[in-house]
PDB file of all heavy atoms in Angstrom:
ATOM      1  N   ILE A   1       0.828  -1.204   0.000  1.00  0.00           N
ATOM      2  CA  ILE A   1       0.000   0.000   0.000  1.00  0.00           C
ATOM      3  C   ILE A   1       0.864   1.256   0.000  1.00  0.00           C
ATOM      4  O   ILE A   1       0.609   2.225  -0.721  1.00  0.00           O
ATOM      5  CB  ILE A   1      -0.954  -0.008   1.219  1.00  0.00           C
ATOM      6  CG1 ILE A   1      -1.976  -1.142   1.094  1.00  0.00           C
ATOM      7  CG2 ILE A   1      -1.662   1.336   1.362  1.00  0.00           C
ATOM      8  CD1 ILE A   1      -2.815  -1.362   2.330  1.00  0.00           C
ATOM      9  N   ARG A   2       1.909   1.225   0.820  1.00  0.00           N
ATOM     10  CA  ARG A   2       2.821   2.377   0.916  1.00  0.00           C
ATOM     11  C   ARG A   2       3.455   2.676  -0.448  1.00  0.00           C
ATOM     12  O   ARG A   2       3.491   3.826  -0.902  1.00  0.00           O
ATOM     13  CB  ARG A   2       3.896   2.085   1.953  1.00  0.00           C
ATOM     14  CG  ARG A   2       4.895   3.230   2.133  1.00  0.00           C
ATOM     15  CD  ARG A   2       6.031   2.775   3.042  1.00  0.00           C
ATOM     16  NE  ARG A   2       6.962   3.856   3.238  1.00  0.00           N
ATOM     17  CZ  ARG A   2       6.907   4.742   4.224  1.00  0.00           C
ATOM     18  NH1 ARG A   2       5.951   4.658   5.131  1.00  0.00           N
ATOM     19  NH2 ARG A   2       7.796   5.708   4.326  1.00  0.00           N
ATOM     20  N   GLU A   3       3.947   1.628  -1.090  1.00  0.00           N
ATOM     21  CA  GLU A   3       4.614   1.796  -2.378  1.00  0.00           C
ATOM     22  C   GLU A   3       3.634   2.291  -3.440  1.00  0.00           C
ATOM     23  O   GLU A   3       3.968   3.153  -4.250  1.00  0.00           O
ATOM     24  CB  GLU A   3       5.230   0.462  -2.806  1.00  0.00           C
ATOM     25  CG  GLU A   3       5.987   0.511  -4.127  1.00  0.00           C
ATOM     26  CD  GLU A   3       7.169   1.487  -4.082  1.00  0.00           C
ATOM     27  OE1 GLU A   3       7.753   1.689  -2.987  1.00  0.00           O
ATOM     28  OE2 GLU A   3       7.489   2.058  -5.147  1.00  0.00           O
ATOM     29  N   ARG A   4       2.431   1.765  -3.405  1.00  0.00           N
ATOM     30  CA  ARG A   4       1.430   2.148  -4.398  1.00  0.00           C
ATOM     31  C   ARG A   4       1.038   3.622  -4.250  1.00  0.00           C
ATOM     32  O   ARG A   4       0.963   4.366  -5.239  1.00  0.00           O
ATOM     33  CB  ARG A   4       0.203   1.254  -4.245  1.00  0.00           C
ATOM     34  CG  ARG A   4      -0.786   1.390  -5.387  1.00  0.00           C
ATOM     35  CD  ARG A   4      -1.800   0.263  -5.364  1.00  0.00           C
ATOM     36  NE  ARG A   4      -2.540   0.238  -4.108  1.00  0.00           N
ATOM     37  CZ  ARG A   4      -2.957  -0.862  -3.495  1.00  0.00           C
ATOM     38  NH1 ARG A   4      -2.670  -2.044  -4.030  1.00  0.00           N
ATOM     39  NH2 ARG A   4      -3.644  -0.796  -2.378  1.00  0.00           N
ATOM     40  N   LEU A   5       0.817   4.063  -3.012  1.00  0.00           N
ATOM     41  CA  LEU A   5       0.454   5.456  -2.775  1.00  0.00           C
ATOM     42  C   LEU A   5       1.615   6.396  -3.099  1.00  0.00           C
ATOM     43  O   LEU A   5       1.414   7.490  -3.655  1.00  0.00           O
ATOM     44  CB  LEU A   5       0.022   5.637  -1.315  1.00  0.00           C
ATOM     45  CG  LEU A   5      -1.329   5.018  -0.917  1.00  0.00           C
ATOM     46  CD1 LEU A   5      -1.561   5.170   0.584  1.00  0.00           C
ATOM     47  CD2 LEU A   5      -2.470   5.662  -1.685  1.00  0.00           C
ATOM     48  N   ASN A   6       2.818   5.992  -2.731  1.00  0.00           N
ATOM     49  CA  ASN A   6       4.001   6.802  -2.978  1.00  0.00           C
ATOM     50  C   ASN A   6       4.206   7.012  -4.477  1.00  0.00           C
ATOM     51  O   ASN A   6       4.500   8.124  -4.942  1.00  0.00           O
ATOM     52  CB  ASN A   6       5.221   6.134  -2.348  1.00  0.00           C
ATOM     53  CG  ASN A   6       6.404   7.089  -2.244  1.00  0.00           C
ATOM     54  OD1 ASN A   6       6.234   8.315  -2.238  1.00  0.00           O
ATOM     55  ND2 ASN A   6       7.605   6.541  -2.188  1.00  0.00           N
ATOM     56  N   THR A   7       4.035   5.938  -5.240  1.00  0.00           N
ATOM     57  CA  THR A   7       4.186   6.013  -6.695  1.00  0.00           C
ATOM     58  C   THR A   7       3.120   6.928  -7.303  1.00  0.00           C
ATOM     59  O   THR A   7       3.405   7.748  -8.176  1.00  0.00           O
ATOM     60  CB  THR A   7       4.084   4.609  -7.313  1.00  0.00           C
ATOM     61  OG1 THR A   7       5.099   3.781  -6.746  1.00  0.00           O
ATOM     62  CG2 THR A   7       4.245   4.659  -8.820  1.00  0.00           C
ATOM     63  N   PHE A   8       1.899   6.764  -6.814  1.00  0.00           N
ATOM     64  CA  PHE A   8       0.803   7.571  -7.335  1.00  0.00           C
ATOM     65  C   PHE A   8       1.026   9.070  -7.083  1.00  0.00           C
ATOM     66  O   PHE A   8       0.869   9.900  -7.987  1.00  0.00           O
ATOM     67  CB  PHE A   8      -0.511   7.125  -6.685  1.00  0.00           C
ATOM     68  CG  PHE A   8      -1.680   7.991  -7.034  1.00  0.00           C
ATOM     69  CD1 PHE A   8      -2.293   7.894  -8.272  1.00  0.00           C
ATOM     70  CD2 PHE A   8      -2.154   8.938  -6.128  1.00  0.00           C
ATOM     71  CE1 PHE A   8      -3.382   8.708  -8.592  1.00  0.00           C
ATOM     72  CE2 PHE A   8      -3.230   9.750  -6.443  1.00  0.00           C
ATOM     73  CZ  PHE A   8      -3.845   9.635  -7.681  1.00  0.00           C
ATOM     74  N   LEU A   9       1.442   9.410  -5.855  1.00  0.00           N
ATOM     75  CA  LEU A   9       1.658  10.823  -5.516  1.00  0.00           C
ATOM     76  C   LEU A   9       2.862  11.395  -6.257  1.00  0.00           C
ATOM     77  O   LEU A   9       2.856  12.562  -6.683  1.00  0.00           O
ATOM     78  CB  LEU A   9       1.841  10.966  -4.001  1.00  0.00           C
ATOM     79  CG  LEU A   9       0.581  10.720  -3.160  1.00  0.00           C
ATOM     80  CD1 LEU A   9       0.922  10.717  -1.677  1.00  0.00           C
ATOM     81  CD2 LEU A   9      -0.479  11.786  -3.449  1.00  0.00           C
ATOM     82  N   THR A  10       3.894  10.594  -6.389  1.00  0.00           N
ATOM     83  CA  THR A  10       5.089  11.057  -7.106  1.00  0.00           C
ATOM     84  C   THR A  10       4.749  11.383  -8.550  1.00  0.00           C
ATOM     85  O   THR A  10       5.187  12.407  -9.099  1.00  0.00           O
ATOM     86  CB  THR A  10       6.188   9.981  -7.048  1.00  0.00           C
ATOM     87  OG1 THR A  10       6.529   9.748  -5.678  1.00  0.00           O
ATOM     88  CG2 THR A  10       7.430  10.441  -7.795  1.00  0.00           C
ATOM     89  N   GLU A  11       3.981  10.511  -9.164  1.00  0.00           N
ATOM     90  CA  GLU A  11       3.603  10.739 -10.550  1.00  0.00           C
ATOM     91  C   GLU A  11       2.606  11.887 -10.681  1.00  0.00           C
ATOM     92  O   GLU A  11       2.562  12.558 -11.714  1.00  0.00           O
ATOM     93  CB  GLU A  11       3.000   9.457 -11.136  1.00  0.00           C
ATOM     94  CG  GLU A  11       4.005   8.320 -11.277  1.00  0.00           C
ATOM     95  CD  GLU A  11       3.355   7.036 -11.771  1.00  0.00           C
ATOM     96  OE1 GLU A  11       2.099   7.012 -11.870  1.00  0.00           O
ATOM     97  OE2 GLU A  11       4.088   6.063 -12.043  1.00  0.00           O
ATOM     98  N   SER A  12       1.822  12.109  -9.661  1.00  0.00           N
ATOM     99  CA  SER A  12       0.781  13.140  -9.732  1.00  0.00           C
ATOM    100  C   SER A  12       1.314  14.539  -9.425  1.00  0.00           C
ATOM    101  O   SER A  12       1.033  15.493 -10.163  1.00  0.00           O
ATOM    102  CB  SER A  12      -0.354  12.808  -8.757  1.00  0.00           C
ATOM    103  OG  SER A  12      -0.946  11.566  -9.079  1.00  0.00           O
ATOM    104  N   VAL A  13       2.086  14.697  -8.340  1.00  0.00           N
ATOM    105  CA  VAL A  13       2.527  16.027  -7.913  1.00  0.00           C
ATOM    106  C   VAL A  13       4.046  16.216  -7.988  1.00  0.00           C
ATOM    107  O   VAL A  13       4.535  17.336  -7.824  1.00  0.00           O
ATOM    108  CB  VAL A  13       2.051  16.316  -6.476  1.00  0.00           C
ATOM    109  CG1 VAL A  13       0.542  16.236  -6.391  1.00  0.00           C
ATOM    110  CG2 VAL A  13       2.674  15.346  -5.473  1.00  0.00           C
ATOM    111  N   GLY A  14       4.768  15.094  -8.226  1.00  0.00           N
ATOM    112  CA  GLY A  14       6.226  15.194  -8.275  1.00  0.00           C
ATOM    113  C   GLY A  14       6.827  14.988  -6.886  1.00  0.00           C
ATOM    114  O   GLY A  14       6.270  15.426  -5.884  1.00  0.00           O
ATOM    115  N   ARG A  15       7.979  14.334  -6.842  1.00  0.00           N
ATOM    116  CA  ARG A  15       8.596  14.020  -5.554  1.00  0.00           C
ATOM    117  C   ARG A  15       9.000  15.282  -4.805  1.00  0.00           C
ATOM    118  O   ARG A  15       8.919  15.344  -3.574  1.00  0.00           O
ATOM    119  CB  ARG A  15       9.820  13.133  -5.788  1.00  0.00           C
ATOM    120  CG  ARG A  15      10.545  12.711  -4.506  1.00  0.00           C
ATOM    121  CD  ARG A  15      11.595  11.655  -4.787  1.00  0.00           C
ATOM    122  NE  ARG A  15      10.967  10.424  -5.262  1.00  0.00           N
ATOM    123  CZ  ARG A  15      10.463   9.480  -4.443  1.00  0.00           C
ATOM    124  NH1 ARG A  15      10.473   9.682  -3.127  1.00  0.00           N
ATOM    125  NH2 ARG A  15       9.938   8.380  -4.925  1.00  0.00           N
ATOM    126  N   GLU A  16       9.423  16.317  -5.534  1.00  0.00           N
ATOM    127  CA  GLU A  16       9.879  17.543  -4.874  1.00  0.00           C
ATOM    128  C   GLU A  16       8.724  18.273  -4.178  1.00  0.00           C
ATOM    129  O   GLU A  16       8.934  19.057  -3.250  1.00  0.00           O
ATOM    130  CB  GLU A  16      10.572  18.473  -5.869  1.00  0.00           C
ATOM    131  CG  GLU A  16       9.693  19.016  -6.976  1.00  0.00           C
ATOM    132  CD  GLU A  16       9.472  18.030  -8.114  1.00  0.00           C
ATOM    133  OE1 GLU A  16      10.002  16.888  -8.024  1.00  0.00           O
ATOM    134  OE2 GLU A  16       8.775  18.381  -9.084  1.00  0.00           O
ATOM    135  N   ASN A  17       7.502  18.028  -4.634  1.00  0.00           N
ATOM    136  CA  ASN A  17       6.343  18.692  -4.032  1.00  0.00           C
ATOM    137  C   ASN A  17       5.653  17.842  -2.966  1.00  0.00           C
ATOM    138  O   ASN A  17       4.622  18.240  -2.427  1.00  0.00           O
ATOM    139  CB  ASN A  17       5.321  19.045  -5.114  1.00  0.00           C
ATOM    140  CG  ASN A  17       5.880  20.031  -6.117  1.00  0.00           C
ATOM    141  OD1 ASN A  17       6.582  20.967  -5.734  1.00  0.00           O
ATOM    142  ND2 ASN A  17       5.590  19.815  -7.394  1.00  0.00           N
ATOM    143  N   LEU A  18       6.210  16.694  -2.679  1.00  0.00           N
ATOM    144  CA  LEU A  18       5.582  15.767  -1.739  1.00  0.00           C
ATOM    145  C   LEU A  18       6.048  16.064  -0.320  1.00  0.00           C
ATOM    146  O   LEU A  18       7.247  16.080  -0.032  1.00  0.00           O
ATOM    147  CB  LEU A  18       5.938  14.317  -2.122  1.00  0.00           C
ATOM    148  CG  LEU A  18       5.360  13.219  -1.237  1.00  0.00           C
ATOM    149  CD1 LEU A  18       3.826  13.233  -1.288  1.00  0.00           C
ATOM    150  CD2 LEU A  18       5.873  11.851  -1.701  1.00  0.00           C
ATOM    151  N   ASP A  19       5.100  16.310   0.576  1.00  0.00           N
ATOM    152  CA  ASP A  19       5.383  16.515   2.003  1.00  0.00           C
ATOM    153  C   ASP A  19       5.438  15.138   2.658  1.00  0.00           C
ATOM    154  O   ASP A  19       4.416  14.501   2.909  1.00  0.00           O
ATOM    155  CB  ASP A  19       4.280  17.360   2.634  1.00  0.00           C
ATOM    156  CG  ASP A  19       4.613  17.736   4.090  1.00  0.00           C
ATOM    157  OD1 ASP A  19       5.377  16.989   4.731  1.00  0.00           O
ATOM    158  OD2 ASP A  19       4.073  18.739   4.579  1.00  0.00           O
ATOM    159  N   GLN A  20       6.663  14.709   2.941  1.00  0.00           N
ATOM    160  CA  GLN A  20       6.856  13.357   3.451  1.00  0.00           C
ATOM    161  C   GLN A  20       6.189  13.141   4.800  1.00  0.00           C
ATOM    162  O   GLN A  20       5.615  12.082   5.058  1.00  0.00           O
ATOM    163  CB  GLN A  20       8.361  13.048   3.556  1.00  0.00           C
ATOM    164  CG  GLN A  20       8.691  11.572   3.721  1.00  0.00           C
ATOM    165  CD  GLN A  20       8.260  10.736   2.518  1.00  0.00           C
ATOM    166  OE1 GLN A  20       8.324  11.193   1.374  1.00  0.00           O
ATOM    167  NE2 GLN A  20       7.792   9.522   2.787  1.00  0.00           N
ATOM    168  N   ASN A  21       6.266  14.145   5.686  1.00  0.00           N
ATOM    169  CA  ASN A  21       5.636  14.012   7.007  1.00  0.00           C
ATOM    170  C   ASN A  21       4.119  13.863   6.877  1.00  0.00           C
ATOM    171  O   ASN A  21       3.508  13.022   7.544  1.00  0.00           O
ATOM    172  CB  ASN A  21       5.968  15.218   7.884  1.00  0.00           C
ATOM    173  CG  ASN A  21       7.422  15.230   8.303  1.00  0.00           C
ATOM    174  OD1 ASN A  21       8.056  14.172   8.414  1.00  0.00           O
ATOM    175  ND2 ASN A  21       7.978  16.413   8.531  1.00  0.00           N
ATOM    176  N   ARG A  22       3.540  14.718   6.036  1.00  0.00           N
ATOM    177  CA  ARG A  22       2.086  14.633   5.823  1.00  0.00           C
ATOM    178  C   ARG A  22       1.701  13.289   5.186  1.00  0.00           C
ATOM    179  O   ARG A  22       0.684  12.685   5.524  1.00  0.00           O
ATOM    180  CB  ARG A  22       1.649  15.786   4.923  1.00  0.00           C
ATOM    181  CG  ARG A  22       0.157  15.799   4.601  1.00  0.00           C
ATOM    182  CD  ARG A  22      -0.665  16.045   5.868  1.00  0.00           C
ATOM    183  NE  ARG A  22      -2.088  15.988   5.602  1.00  0.00           N
ATOM    184  CZ  ARG A  22      -2.783  17.032   5.179  1.00  0.00           C
ATOM    185  NH1 ARG A  22      -2.186  18.221   4.973  1.00  0.00           N
ATOM    186  NH2 ARG A  22      -4.075  16.926   4.972  1.00  0.00           N
ATOM    187  N   PHE A  23       2.573  12.861   4.285  1.00  0.00           N
ATOM    188  CA  PHE A  23       2.338  11.567   3.628  1.00  0.00           C
ATOM    189  C   PHE A  23       2.317  10.433   4.654  1.00  0.00           C
ATOM    190  O   PHE A  23       1.458   9.558   4.626  1.00  0.00           O
ATOM    191  CB  PHE A  23       3.416  11.303   2.573  1.00  0.00           C
ATOM    192  CG  PHE A  23       3.367   9.908   1.992  1.00  0.00           C
ATOM    193  CD1 PHE A  23       2.321   9.538   1.143  1.00  0.00           C
ATOM    194  CD2 PHE A  23       4.349   8.977   2.299  1.00  0.00           C
ATOM    195  CE1 PHE A  23       2.279   8.257   0.608  1.00  0.00           C
ATOM    196  CE2 PHE A  23       4.290   7.698   1.769  1.00  0.00           C
ATOM    197  CZ  PHE A  23       3.261   7.336   0.918  1.00  0.00           C
ATOM    198  N   GLU A  24       3.272  10.445   5.593  1.00  0.00           N
ATOM    199  CA  GLU A  24       3.342   9.404   6.624  1.00  0.00           C
ATOM    200  C   GLU A  24       2.103   9.452   7.519  1.00  0.00           C
ATOM    201  O   GLU A  24       1.552   8.407   7.898  1.00  0.00           O
ATOM    202  CB  GLU A  24       4.605   9.576   7.460  1.00  0.00           C
ATOM    203  CG  GLU A  24       5.905   9.340   6.704  1.00  0.00           C
ATOM    204  CD  GLU A  24       6.077   7.896   6.272  1.00  0.00           C
ATOM    205  OE1 GLU A  24       5.412   7.022   6.875  1.00  0.00           O
ATOM    206  OE2 GLU A  24       6.839   7.636   5.334  1.00  0.00           O
ATOM    207  N   GLN A  25       1.655  10.652   7.857  1.00  0.00           N
ATOM    208  CA  GLN A  25       0.473  10.793   8.703  1.00  0.00           C
ATOM    209  C   GLN A  25      -0.777  10.226   8.014  1.00  0.00           C
ATOM    210  O   GLN A  25      -1.572   9.494   8.613  1.00  0.00           O
ATOM    211  CB  GLN A  25       0.245  12.263   9.050  1.00  0.00           C
ATOM    212  CG  GLN A  25       1.289  12.837   9.995  1.00  0.00           C
ATOM    213  CD  GLN A  25       1.097  14.339  10.199  1.00  0.00           C
ATOM    214  OE1 GLN A  25       0.180  14.939   9.643  1.00  0.00           O
ATOM    215  NE2 GLN A  25       1.971  14.934  10.998  1.00  0.00           N
ATOM    216  N   GLU A  26      -0.927  10.592   6.746  1.00  0.00           N
ATOM    217  CA  GLU A  26      -2.090  10.110   5.990  1.00  0.00           C
ATOM    218  C   GLU A  26      -2.022   8.601   5.787  1.00  0.00           C
ATOM    219  O   GLU A  26      -3.043   7.906   5.810  1.00  0.00           O
ATOM    220  CB  GLU A  26      -2.167  10.813   4.639  1.00  0.00           C
ATOM    221  CG  GLU A  26      -2.473  12.297   4.714  1.00  0.00           C
ATOM    222  CD  GLU A  26      -3.848  12.557   5.288  1.00  0.00           C
ATOM    223  OE1 GLU A  26      -4.738  11.675   5.157  1.00  0.00           O
ATOM    224  OE2 GLU A  26      -4.053  13.632   5.879  1.00  0.00           O
ATOM    225  N   LEU A  27      -0.819   8.107   5.615  1.00  0.00           N
ATOM    226  CA  LEU A  27      -0.634   6.669   5.427  1.00  0.00           C
ATOM    227  C   LEU A  27      -1.041   5.904   6.688  1.00  0.00           C
ATOM    228  O   LEU A  27      -1.713   4.874   6.614  1.00  0.00           O
ATOM    229  CB  LEU A  27       0.829   6.365   5.065  1.00  0.00           C
ATOM    230  CG  LEU A  27       1.165   4.887   4.823  1.00  0.00           C
ATOM    231  CD1 LEU A  27       0.371   4.365   3.630  1.00  0.00           C
ATOM    232  CD2 LEU A  27       2.667   4.716   4.584  1.00  0.00           C
ATOM    233  N   ILE A  28      -0.614   6.422   7.840  1.00  0.00           N
ATOM    234  CA  ILE A  28      -0.983   5.783   9.111  1.00  0.00           C
ATOM    235  C   ILE A  28      -2.496   5.785   9.285  1.00  0.00           C
ATOM    236  O   ILE A  28      -3.097   4.784   9.700  1.00  0.00           O
ATOM    237  CB  ILE A  28      -0.297   6.511  10.295  1.00  0.00           C
ATOM    238  CG1 ILE A  28       1.216   6.279  10.236  1.00  0.00           C
ATOM    239  CG2 ILE A  28      -0.871   6.038  11.626  1.00  0.00           C
ATOM    240  CD1 ILE A  28       1.991   7.121  11.233  1.00  0.00           C
ATOM    241  N   TYR A  29      -3.123   6.923   8.963  1.00  0.00           N
ATOM    242  CA  TYR A  29      -4.584   7.033   9.077  1.00  0.00           C
ATOM    243  C   TYR A  29      -5.280   6.036   8.137  1.00  0.00           C
ATOM    244  O   TYR A  29      -6.241   5.349   8.518  1.00  0.00           O
ATOM    245  CB  TYR A  29      -5.012   8.458   8.742  1.00  0.00           C
ATOM    246  CG  TYR A  29      -6.497   8.669   8.746  1.00  0.00           C
ATOM    247  CD1 TYR A  29      -7.183   8.827   9.941  1.00  0.00           C
ATOM    248  CD2 TYR A  29      -7.206   8.701   7.542  1.00  0.00           C
ATOM    249  CE1 TYR A  29      -8.568   9.014   9.944  1.00  0.00           C
ATOM    250  CE2 TYR A  29      -8.572   8.885   7.541  1.00  0.00           C
ATOM    251  CZ  TYR A  29      -9.244   9.046   8.743  1.00  0.00           C
ATOM    252  OH  TYR A  29     -10.605   9.224   8.739  1.00  0.00           O
ATOM    253  N   PHE A  30      -4.778   5.937   6.920  1.00  0.00           N
ATOM    254  CA  PHE A  30      -5.368   5.041   5.921  1.00  0.00           C
ATOM    255  C   PHE A  30      -5.220   3.578   6.337  1.00  0.00           C
ATOM    256  O   PHE A  30      -6.174   2.792   6.256  1.00  0.00           O
ATOM    257  CB  PHE A  30      -4.703   5.289   4.561  1.00  0.00           C
ATOM    258  CG  PHE A  30      -5.256   4.448   3.454  1.00  0.00           C
ATOM    259  CD1 PHE A  30      -6.529   4.692   2.943  1.00  0.00           C
ATOM    260  CD2 PHE A  30      -4.509   3.413   2.912  1.00  0.00           C
ATOM    261  CE1 PHE A  30      -7.044   3.915   1.912  1.00  0.00           C
ATOM    262  CE2 PHE A  30      -5.013   2.636   1.883  1.00  0.00           C
ATOM    263  CZ  PHE A  30      -6.283   2.888   1.386  1.00  0.00           C
ATOM    264  N   ILE A  31      -4.039   3.218   6.791  1.00  0.00           N
ATOM    265  CA  ILE A  31      -3.778   1.834   7.196  1.00  0.00           C
ATOM    266  C   ILE A  31      -4.598   1.466   8.429  1.00  0.00           C
ATOM    267  O   ILE A  31      -5.078   0.338   8.570  1.00  0.00           O
ATOM    268  CB  ILE A  31      -2.271   1.617   7.448  1.00  0.00           C
ATOM    269  CG1 ILE A  31      -1.510   1.711   6.115  1.00  0.00           C
ATOM    270  CG2 ILE A  31      -2.018   0.277   8.110  1.00  0.00           C
ATOM    271  CD1 ILE A  31      -0.011   1.660   6.264  1.00  0.00           C
ATOM    272  N   ASP A  32      -4.785   2.450   9.328  1.00  0.00           N
ATOM    273  CA  ASP A  32      -5.603   2.207  10.518  1.00  0.00           C
ATOM    274  C   ASP A  32      -7.037   1.860  10.138  1.00  0.00           C
ATOM    275  O   ASP A  32      -7.684   1.028  10.782  1.00  0.00           O
ATOM    276  CB  ASP A  32      -5.570   3.434  11.427  1.00  0.00           C
ATOM    277  CG  ASP A  32      -6.318   3.202  12.728  1.00  0.00           C
ATOM    278  OD1 ASP A  32      -5.913   2.306  13.491  1.00  0.00           O
ATOM    279  OD2 ASP A  32      -7.319   3.911  12.975  1.00  0.00           O
ATOM    280  N   LYS A  33      -7.540   2.493   9.076  1.00  0.00           N
ATOM    281  CA  LYS A  33      -8.886   2.208   8.603  1.00  0.00           C
ATOM    282  C   LYS A  33      -9.002   0.789   8.043  1.00  0.00           C
ATOM    283  O   LYS A  33     -10.092   0.203   8.023  1.00  0.00           O
ATOM    284  CB  LYS A  33      -9.297   3.212   7.516  1.00  0.00           C
ATOM    285  CG  LYS A  33      -9.545   4.630   8.025  1.00  0.00           C
ATOM    286  CD  LYS A  33     -10.795   4.685   8.868  1.00  0.00           C
ATOM    287  CE  LYS A  33     -11.112   6.104   9.295  1.00  0.00           C
ATOM    288  NZ  LYS A  33     -12.317   6.159  10.170  1.00  0.00           N
ATOM    289  N   LEU A  34      -7.881   0.256   7.589  1.00  0.00           N
ATOM    290  CA  LEU A  34      -7.881  -1.077   7.001  1.00  0.00           C
ATOM    291  C   LEU A  34      -7.482  -2.163   8.011  1.00  0.00           C
ATOM    292  O   LEU A  34      -7.379  -3.336   7.640  1.00  0.00           O
ATOM    293  CB  LEU A  34      -6.904  -1.127   5.812  1.00  0.00           C
ATOM    294  CG  LEU A  34      -7.207  -0.184   4.640  1.00  0.00           C
ATOM    295  CD1 LEU A  34      -6.140  -0.346   3.566  1.00  0.00           C
ATOM    296  CD2 LEU A  34      -8.579  -0.469   4.063  1.00  0.00           C
ATOM    297  N   ASP A  35      -7.285  -1.768   9.247  1.00  0.00           N
ATOM    298  CA  ASP A  35      -6.867  -2.739  10.270  1.00  0.00           C
ATOM    299  C   ASP A  35      -7.971  -3.772  10.512  1.00  0.00           C
ATOM    300  O   ASP A  35      -9.146  -3.423  10.671  1.00  0.00           O
ATOM    301  CB  ASP A  35      -6.553  -2.010  11.577  1.00  0.00           C
ATOM    302  CG  ASP A  35      -6.051  -2.973  12.640  1.00  0.00           C
ATOM    303  OD1 ASP A  35      -4.960  -3.534  12.455  1.00  0.00           O
ATOM    304  OD2 ASP A  35      -6.771  -3.167  13.641  1.00  0.00           O
ATOM    305  N   ILE A  36      -7.601  -5.042  10.512  1.00  0.00           N
ATOM    306  CA  ILE A  36      -8.584  -6.124  10.666  1.00  0.00           C
ATOM    307  C   ILE A  36      -8.339  -6.948  11.932  1.00  0.00           C
ATOM    308  O   ILE A  36      -8.853  -8.051  12.051  1.00  0.00           O
ATOM    309  CB  ILE A  36      -8.563  -7.048   9.425  1.00  0.00           C
ATOM    310  CG1 ILE A  36      -7.149  -7.599   9.192  1.00  0.00           C
ATOM    311  CG2 ILE A  36      -9.073  -6.322   8.196  1.00  0.00           C
ATOM    312  CD1 ILE A  36      -7.077  -8.623   8.073  1.00  0.00           C
TER     313      ILE A  36
END
């Protein structure tokens, strides 16, 4: 999931425009929603 989202954002906004901290926060929130 991490790799898929990272690739999508990189292709969409560019790596230089990616806020890594915000990305990690959103990733944690997203993964928490998928916790089983």
